[in-house]
Amino acid sequence: MEIRYHKMPIFLVLFLALCTFGIVNLIIYLKMKRWPQQALDEGLKLRNGTLIRWQDITRVVHVVTSVEGTTAARYDFETQHGTIAFPFQRVVNSAEVIAYIWQRLPAPAKGEQRESAVEPAAAPVSSPSQAPPSPGSPGTQTFYCRDCAYRWGPVGVQPFNPDAVEHQLFLYCEVCREPQAVVTAQRTEELACLHCEQVAIKPLSDCPLCESVDVGWA
């Protein structure tokens, strides 16, 4: 399975090149060479040609980085050859790729999964199969699946008020496979995906990866 990444905006590439004389661009390029390029039956093939076999992955770490209100997440696959970063939020077909990878990861690696918050502080260590993820800052929550450990968030959540004019809905697009939070004044209106503008969206009531209904928010 080919892993397709969203390209970095050209204006950002030029800005970094001008401000840092290309040094940051080179660092980013070298890091991207160690990103997974293909998910195969035998393992992950990196952009530099290295094949990381599934049995070599010993642990999966879910890393959440939050800087000045901007949150990013990735998976770190710890192997005998070092740590492989997988920035799944930058992957075009992320849900499909994560499902493919999760089905092939060794059971011990999935059982040892840990969550880590890099910035501003480290989150408590927890196993997704035993406990939900740690809550984010006030007003944010993370959607999670207890069966496959899929997570989305943290995302801003409004307190539910049945008398409010506007209501918040959590939806999942079946075209671009992106979850999203939508605030609407009419809960019955036809809504379109915020990303691809298609109308093939449904309530986020089960896991987008394994379709389990054993999901929750924390």
C-alpha atoms as a PDB file:
ATOM      1  CA  MET A   1       0.000   0.000   0.000  1.00  0.00           C
ATOM      2  CA  GLU A   2       1.382   3.372  -1.034  1.00  0.00           C
ATOM      3  CA  ILE A   3       1.506   6.012   1.718  1.00  0.00           C
ATOM      4  CA  ARG A   4       0.745   9.436   0.246  1.00  0.00           C
ATOM      5  CA  TYR A   5       1.632  12.589   2.186  1.00  0.00           C
ATOM      6  CA  HIS A   6       0.266  16.087   1.858  1.00  0.00           C
ATOM      7  CA  LYS A   7       2.937  18.352   0.368  1.00  0.00           C
ATOM      8  CA  MET A   8       4.353  21.224   2.366  1.00  0.00           C
ATOM      9  CA  PRO A   9       3.078  24.575   1.031  1.00  0.00           C
ATOM     10  CA  ILE A  10       5.578  26.080  -1.393  1.00  0.00           C
ATOM     11  CA  PHE A  11       5.510  29.467   0.366  1.00  0.00           C
ATOM     12  CA  LEU A  12       6.600  27.773   3.612  1.00  0.00           C
ATOM     13  CA  VAL A  13       9.416  25.930   1.828  1.00  0.00           C
ATOM     14  CA  LEU A  14      10.669  29.210   0.324  1.00  0.00           C
ATOM     15  CA  PHE A  15      10.291  31.078   3.628  1.00  0.00           C
ATOM     16  CA  LEU A  16      12.356  28.485   5.524  1.00  0.00           C
ATOM     17  CA  ALA A  17      14.964  28.419   2.774  1.00  0.00           C
ATOM     18  CA  LEU A  18      15.398  32.200   2.846  1.00  0.00           C
ATOM     19  CA  CYS A  19      15.377  32.551   6.636  1.00  0.00           C
ATOM     20  CA  THR A  20      17.694  29.630   7.422  1.00  0.00           C
ATOM     21  CA  PHE A  21      19.811  29.472   4.251  1.00  0.00           C
ATOM     22  CA  GLY A  22      18.284  26.074   3.514  1.00  0.00           C
ATOM     23  CA  ILE A  23      19.503  24.461   6.738  1.00  0.00           C
ATOM     24  CA  VAL A  24      16.001  23.726   8.080  1.00  0.00           C
ATOM     25  CA  ASN A  25      14.943  22.448   4.660  1.00  0.00           C
ATOM     26  CA  LEU A  26      17.840  20.000   4.693  1.00  0.00           C
ATOM     27  CA  ILE A  27      16.970  18.799   8.207  1.00  0.00           C
ATOM     28  CA  ILE A  28      13.329  18.295   7.200  1.00  0.00           C
ATOM     29  CA  TYR A  29      14.391  16.443   4.044  1.00  0.00           C
ATOM     30  CA  LEU A  30      16.638  14.061   6.002  1.00  0.00           C
ATOM     31  CA  LYS A  31      13.842  13.357   8.503  1.00  0.00           C
ATOM     32  CA  MET A  32      11.324  12.747   5.713  1.00  0.00           C
ATOM     33  CA  LYS A  33      13.673  10.160   4.166  1.00  0.00           C
ATOM     34  CA  ARG A  34      12.989   7.973   7.209  1.00  0.00           C
ATOM     35  CA  TRP A  35       9.204   8.243   6.912  1.00  0.00           C
ATOM     36  CA  PRO A  36       7.302   5.129   5.782  1.00  0.00           C
ATOM     37  CA  GLN A  37       6.668   5.157   2.026  1.00  0.00           C
ATOM     38  CA  GLN A  38       4.906   1.818   1.620  1.00  0.00           C
ATOM     39  CA  ALA A  39       3.071  -0.569   3.935  1.00  0.00           C
ATOM     40  CA  LEU A  40       3.744  -4.086   2.650  1.00  0.00           C
ATOM     41  CA  ASP A  41       2.868  -7.589   3.805  1.00  0.00           C
ATOM     42  CA  GLU A  42       6.425  -8.034   5.070  1.00  0.00           C
ATOM     43  CA  GLY A  43       6.804  -4.633   6.735  1.00  0.00           C
ATOM     44  CA  LEU A  44       7.228  -0.881   6.277  1.00  0.00           C
ATOM     45  CA  LYS A  45       9.416   0.361   3.428  1.00  0.00           C
ATOM     46  CA  LEU A  46      10.917   3.740   4.197  1.00  0.00           C
ATOM     47  CA  ARG A  47      11.598   6.511   1.717  1.00  0.00           C
ATOM     48  CA  ASN A  48      15.328   5.772   1.900  1.00  0.00           C
ATOM     49  CA  GLY A  49      14.694   2.187   0.765  1.00  0.00           C
ATOM     50  CA  THR A  50      15.061   0.524   4.182  1.00  0.00           C
ATOM     51  CA  LEU A  51      12.590  -2.269   4.944  1.00  0.00           C
ATOM     52  CA  ILE A  52      11.436  -2.463   8.565  1.00  0.00           C
ATOM     53  CA  ARG A  53       9.850  -5.858   9.119  1.00  0.00           C
ATOM     54  CA  TRP A  54       6.750  -6.045  11.285  1.00  0.00           C
ATOM     55  CA  GLN A  55       8.423  -8.392  13.771  1.00  0.00           C
ATOM     56  CA  ASP A  56      11.183  -5.816  14.325  1.00  0.00           C
ATOM     57  CA  ILE A  57       8.719  -3.276  15.749  1.00  0.00           C
ATOM     58  CA  THR A  58       8.817  -3.644  19.529  1.00  0.00           C
ATOM     59  CA  ARG A  59       6.647  -0.768  20.704  1.00  0.00           C
ATOM     60  CA  VAL A  60       4.258   1.884  19.384  1.00  0.00           C
ATOM     61  CA  VAL A  61       4.280   5.339  21.001  1.00  0.00           C
ATOM     62  CA  HIS A  62       1.506   7.859  20.323  1.00  0.00           C
ATOM     63  CA  VAL A  63       3.141  11.311  20.481  1.00  0.00           C
ATOM     64  CA  VAL A  64       1.083  14.493  20.779  1.00  0.00           C
ATOM     65  CA  THR A  65       2.838  17.853  20.397  1.00  0.00           C
ATOM     66  CA  SER A  66       1.093  21.097  21.328  1.00  0.00           C
ATOM     67  CA  VAL A  67       2.772  24.444  20.700  1.00  0.00           C
ATOM     68  CA  GLU A  68       0.894  27.731  21.155  1.00  0.00           C
ATOM     69  CA  GLY A  69      -2.485  26.119  20.651  1.00  0.00           C
ATOM     70  CA  THR A  70      -1.464  24.078  17.579  1.00  0.00           C
ATOM     71  CA  THR A  71      -1.639  20.332  18.118  1.00  0.00           C
ATOM     72  CA  ALA A  72       0.048  17.664  16.017  1.00  0.00           C
ATOM     73  CA  ALA A  73       0.191  13.914  16.511  1.00  0.00           C
ATOM     74  CA  ARG A  74       2.259  11.048  15.178  1.00  0.00           C
ATOM     75  CA  TYR A  75       3.113   7.431  15.882  1.00  0.00           C
ATOM     76  CA  ASP A  76       6.683   6.442  16.760  1.00  0.00           C
ATOM     77  CA  PHE A  77       7.514   2.841  15.887  1.00  0.00           C
ATOM     78  CA  GLU A  78      10.392   1.698  18.080  1.00  0.00           C
ATOM     79  CA  THR A  79      12.518  -0.947  16.372  1.00  0.00           C
ATOM     80  CA  GLN A  80      15.885  -2.639  16.672  1.00  0.00           C
ATOM     81  CA  HIS A  81      17.135  -0.146  14.070  1.00  0.00           C
ATOM     82  CA  GLY A  82      15.948   2.984  15.883  1.00  0.00           C
ATOM     83  CA  THR A  83      12.700   4.932  16.048  1.00  0.00           C
ATOM     84  CA  ILE A  84      10.589   5.430  12.930  1.00  0.00           C
ATOM     85  CA  ALA A  85       8.329   8.503  13.018  1.00  0.00           C
ATOM     86  CA  PHE A  86       4.991   8.206  11.241  1.00  0.00           C
ATOM     87  CA  PRO A  87       3.218  11.600  11.000  1.00  0.00           C
ATOM     88  CA  PHE A  88      -0.180  10.123  10.155  1.00  0.00           C
ATOM     89  CA  GLN A  89      -1.894  13.523  10.212  1.00  0.00           C
ATOM     90  CA  ARG A  90       0.039  14.429   7.061  1.00  0.00           C
ATOM     91  CA  VAL A  91      -1.051  11.277   5.235  1.00  0.00           C
ATOM     92  CA  VAL A  92      -3.738  11.651   2.566  1.00  0.00           C
ATOM     93  CA  ASN A  93      -5.145   8.142   3.104  1.00  0.00           C
ATOM     94  CA  SER A  94      -4.383   8.031   6.835  1.00  0.00           C
ATOM     95  CA  ALA A  95      -7.334   5.952   8.074  1.00  0.00           C
ATOM     96  CA  GLU A  96      -6.752   3.268   5.440  1.00  0.00           C
ATOM     97  CA  VAL A  97      -3.008   3.137   6.113  1.00  0.00           C
ATOM     98  CA  ILE A  98      -3.366   3.026   9.908  1.00  0.00           C
ATOM     99  CA  ALA A  99      -5.872   0.179   9.663  1.00  0.00           C
ATOM    100  CA  TYR A 100      -3.519  -1.746   7.360  1.00  0.00           C
ATOM    101  CA  ILE A 101      -0.546  -1.213   9.683  1.00  0.00           C
ATOM    102  CA  TRP A 102      -2.468  -2.027  12.854  1.00  0.00           C
ATOM    103  CA  GLN A 103      -3.614  -5.377  11.457  1.00  0.00           C
ATOM    104  CA  ARG A 104       0.006  -6.378  10.835  1.00  0.00           C
ATOM    105  CA  LEU A 105       1.760  -5.060  13.924  1.00  0.00           C
ATOM    106  CA  PRO A 106       2.974  -7.730  16.371  1.00  0.00           C
ATOM    107  CA  ALA A 107       0.625  -8.201  19.312  1.00  0.00           C
ATOM    108  CA  PRO A 108       3.360  -7.332  21.880  1.00  0.00           C
ATOM    109  CA  ALA A 109       3.994  -3.999  20.150  1.00  0.00           C
ATOM    110  CA  LYS A 110       0.306  -3.074  20.263  1.00  0.00           C
ATOM    111  CA  GLY A 111       0.012  -4.244  23.849  1.00  0.00           C
ATOM    112  CA  GLU A 112       2.918  -2.027  24.895  1.00  0.00           C
ATOM    113  CA  GLN A 113       1.572   1.120  23.247  1.00  0.00           C
ATOM    114  CA  ARG A 114       2.074   4.264  25.269  1.00  0.00           C
ATOM    115  CA  GLU A 115       0.880   7.830  24.865  1.00  0.00           C
ATOM    116  CA  SER A 116       3.266  10.733  25.277  1.00  0.00           C
ATOM    117  CA  ALA A 117       2.639  14.464  25.153  1.00  0.00           C
ATOM    118  CA  VAL A 118       5.840  16.254  24.146  1.00  0.00           C
ATOM    119  CA  GLU A 119       4.749  19.837  24.683  1.00  0.00           C
ATOM    120  CA  PRO A 120       3.959  21.389  27.063  1.00  0.00           C
ATOM    121  CA  ALA A 121       4.381  18.422  29.396  1.00  0.00           C
ATOM    122  CA  ALA A 122       4.496  14.646  29.319  1.00  0.00           C
ATOM    123  CA  ALA A 123       1.170  12.909  29.745  1.00  0.00           C
ATOM    124  CA  PRO A 124       0.773  10.017  32.181  1.00  0.00           C
ATOM    125  CA  VAL A 125       1.740   6.645  30.724  1.00  0.00           C
ATOM    126  CA  SER A 126      -1.295   4.540  29.942  1.00  0.00           C
ATOM    127  CA  SER A 127      -2.309   1.569  27.812  1.00  0.00           C
ATOM    128  CA  PRO A 128      -5.210   2.261  25.417  1.00  0.00           C
ATOM    129  CA  SER A 129      -6.495  -1.270  25.842  1.00  0.00           C
ATOM    130  CA  GLN A 130      -6.949  -0.706  29.556  1.00  0.00           C
ATOM    131  CA  ALA A 131      -7.754   2.980  29.993  1.00  0.00           C
ATOM    132  CA  PRO A 132      -8.834   5.992  27.913  1.00  0.00           C
ATOM    133  CA  PRO A 133      -6.296   8.675  27.003  1.00  0.00           C
ATOM    134  CA  SER A 134      -5.575  11.460  29.392  1.00  0.00           C
ATOM    135  CA  PRO A 135      -7.896  14.473  29.057  1.00  0.00           C
ATOM    136  CA  GLY A 136      -6.543  17.481  27.243  1.00  0.00           C
ATOM    137  CA  SER A 137      -6.810  21.037  28.386  1.00  0.00           C
ATOM    138  CA  PRO A 138     -10.212  22.316  29.578  1.00  0.00           C
ATOM    139  CA  GLY A 139     -12.675  22.400  26.727  1.00  0.00           C
ATOM    140  CA  THR A 140     -10.937  19.682  24.696  1.00  0.00           C
ATOM    141  CA  GLN A 141     -11.468  15.945  24.463  1.00  0.00           C
ATOM    142  CA  THR A 142     -10.048  13.008  22.516  1.00  0.00           C
ATOM    143  CA  PHE A 143     -12.161  10.441  20.675  1.00  0.00           C
ATOM    144  CA  TYR A 144     -10.747   6.927  21.127  1.00  0.00           C
ATOM    145  CA  CYS A 145     -11.481   3.284  20.324  1.00  0.00           C
ATOM    146  CA  ARG A 146     -10.881   0.709  23.037  1.00  0.00           C
ATOM    147  CA  ASP A 147     -10.458  -2.125  20.533  1.00  0.00           C
ATOM    148  CA  CYS A 148      -7.852  -0.820  18.054  1.00  0.00           C
ATOM    149  CA  ALA A 149      -6.598   2.272  19.956  1.00  0.00           C
ATOM    150  CA  TYR A 150      -7.585   4.684  17.158  1.00  0.00           C
ATOM    151  CA  ARG A 151      -7.568   8.265  18.429  1.00  0.00           C
ATOM    152  CA  TRP A 152      -8.701  11.616  17.091  1.00  0.00           C
ATOM    153  CA  GLY A 153      -8.011  14.829  18.906  1.00  0.00           C
ATOM    154  CA  PRO A 154      -7.741  16.596  21.164  1.00  0.00           C
ATOM    155  CA  VAL A 155     -10.546  18.646  19.657  1.00  0.00           C
ATOM    156  CA  GLY A 156     -12.473  21.577  21.107  1.00  0.00           C
ATOM    157  CA  VAL A 157     -15.758  20.417  22.619  1.00  0.00           C
ATOM    158  CA  GLN A 158     -18.671  22.670  23.536  1.00  0.00           C
ATOM    159  CA  PRO A 159     -20.744  21.837  26.624  1.00  0.00           C
ATOM    160  CA  PHE A 160     -24.046  20.445  25.373  1.00  0.00           C
ATOM    161  CA  ASN A 161     -26.935  22.820  25.922  1.00  0.00           C
ATOM    162  CA  PRO A 162     -30.287  21.674  24.470  1.00  0.00           C
ATOM    163  CA  ASP A 163     -31.580  25.270  24.577  1.00  0.00           C
ATOM    164  CA  ALA A 164     -28.619  26.691  22.663  1.00  0.00           C
ATOM    165  CA  VAL A 165     -29.102  28.143  19.200  1.00  0.00           C
ATOM    166  CA  GLU A 166     -26.045  26.355  17.825  1.00  0.00           C
ATOM    167  CA  HIS A 167     -25.117  22.708  18.339  1.00  0.00           C
ATOM    168  CA  GLN A 168     -21.848  20.870  17.839  1.00  0.00           C
ATOM    169  CA  LEU A 169     -21.810  17.698  15.738  1.00  0.00           C
ATOM    170  CA  PHE A 170     -19.003  15.187  15.332  1.00  0.00           C
ATOM    171  CA  LEU A 171     -18.936  13.679  11.854  1.00  0.00           C
ATOM    172  CA  TYR A 172     -16.840  11.355   9.714  1.00  0.00           C
ATOM    173  CA  CYS A 173     -16.373  11.753   5.955  1.00  0.00           C
ATOM    174  CA  GLU A 174     -16.544   8.473   4.028  1.00  0.00           C
ATOM    175  CA  VAL A 175     -14.834  10.049   0.998  1.00  0.00           C
ATOM    176  CA  CYS A 176     -11.652  11.622   2.411  1.00  0.00           C
ATOM    177  CA  ARG A 177     -11.923   9.646   5.677  1.00  0.00           C
ATOM    178  CA  GLU A 178     -11.464  12.636   7.947  1.00  0.00           C
ATOM    179  CA  PRO A 179     -13.280  13.159  11.264  1.00  0.00           C
ATOM    180  CA  GLN A 180     -14.457  16.691  11.990  1.00  0.00           C
ATOM    181  CA  ALA A 181     -16.320  18.843  14.468  1.00  0.00           C
ATOM    182  CA  VAL A 182     -19.068  21.046  13.037  1.00  0.00           C
ATOM    183  CA  VAL A 183     -21.099  23.769  14.724  1.00  0.00           C
ATOM    184  CA  THR A 184     -24.488  24.286  13.094  1.00  0.00           C
ATOM    185  CA  ALA A 185     -27.672  26.168  13.918  1.00  0.00           C
ATOM    186  CA  GLN A 186     -29.892  23.522  12.303  1.00  0.00           C
ATOM    187  CA  ARG A 187     -29.138  19.943  13.227  1.00  0.00           C
ATOM    188  CA  THR A 188     -31.221  18.631  10.319  1.00  0.00           C
ATOM    189  CA  GLU A 189     -29.483  20.590   7.548  1.00  0.00           C
ATOM    190  CA  GLU A 190     -27.387  18.737   4.967  1.00  0.00           C
ATOM    191  CA  LEU A 191     -23.755  19.265   5.839  1.00  0.00           C
ATOM    192  CA  ALA A 192     -20.699  18.905   3.638  1.00  0.00           C
ATOM    193  CA  CYS A 193     -17.230  17.728   4.590  1.00  0.00           C
ATOM    194  CA  LEU A 194     -14.969  20.556   5.740  1.00  0.00           C
ATOM    195  CA  HIS A 195     -12.064  19.030   3.788  1.00  0.00           C
ATOM    196  CA  CYS A 196     -13.382  17.671   0.479  1.00  0.00           C
ATOM    197  CA  GLU A 197     -16.844  19.349   0.513  1.00  0.00           C
ATOM    198  CA  GLN A 198     -18.610  16.054  -0.208  1.00  0.00           C
ATOM    199  CA  VAL A 199     -21.874  15.212   1.563  1.00  0.00           C
ATOM    200  CA  ALA A 200     -21.041  11.550   2.258  1.00  0.00           C
ATOM    201  CA  ILE A 201     -20.629  12.167   5.975  1.00  0.00           C
ATOM    202  CA  LYS A 202     -22.065  10.363   8.962  1.00  0.00           C
ATOM    203  CA  PRO A 203     -22.089  10.782  12.745  1.00  0.00           C
ATOM    204  CA  LEU A 204     -18.845   9.768  14.425  1.00  0.00           C
ATOM    205  CA  SER A 205     -20.517   7.059  16.496  1.00  0.00           C
ATOM    206  CA  ASP A 206     -18.187   4.111  15.842  1.00  0.00           C
ATOM    207  CA  CYS A 207     -14.498   3.580  15.099  1.00  0.00           C
ATOM    208  CA  PRO A 208     -13.523   4.664  11.549  1.00  0.00           C
ATOM    209  CA  LEU A 209     -10.852   1.939  11.433  1.00  0.00           C
ATOM    210  CA  CYS A 210     -12.287  -1.239  12.944  1.00  0.00           C
ATOM    211  CA  GLU A 211     -15.982  -0.175  13.095  1.00  0.00           C
ATOM    212  CA  SER A 212     -16.134  -1.088  16.768  1.00  0.00           C
ATOM    213  CA  VAL A 213     -18.808   0.624  18.832  1.00  0.00           C
ATOM    214  CA  ASP A 214     -16.659   0.374  21.959  1.00  0.00           C
ATOM    215  CA  VAL A 215     -15.592   4.011  21.667  1.00  0.00           C
ATOM    216  CA  GLY A 216     -15.647   7.023  23.938  1.00  0.00           C
ATOM    217  CA  TRP A 217     -14.401  10.506  24.724  1.00  0.00           C
ATOM    218  CA  ALA A 218     -11.974  11.616  27.413  1.00  0.00           C
END
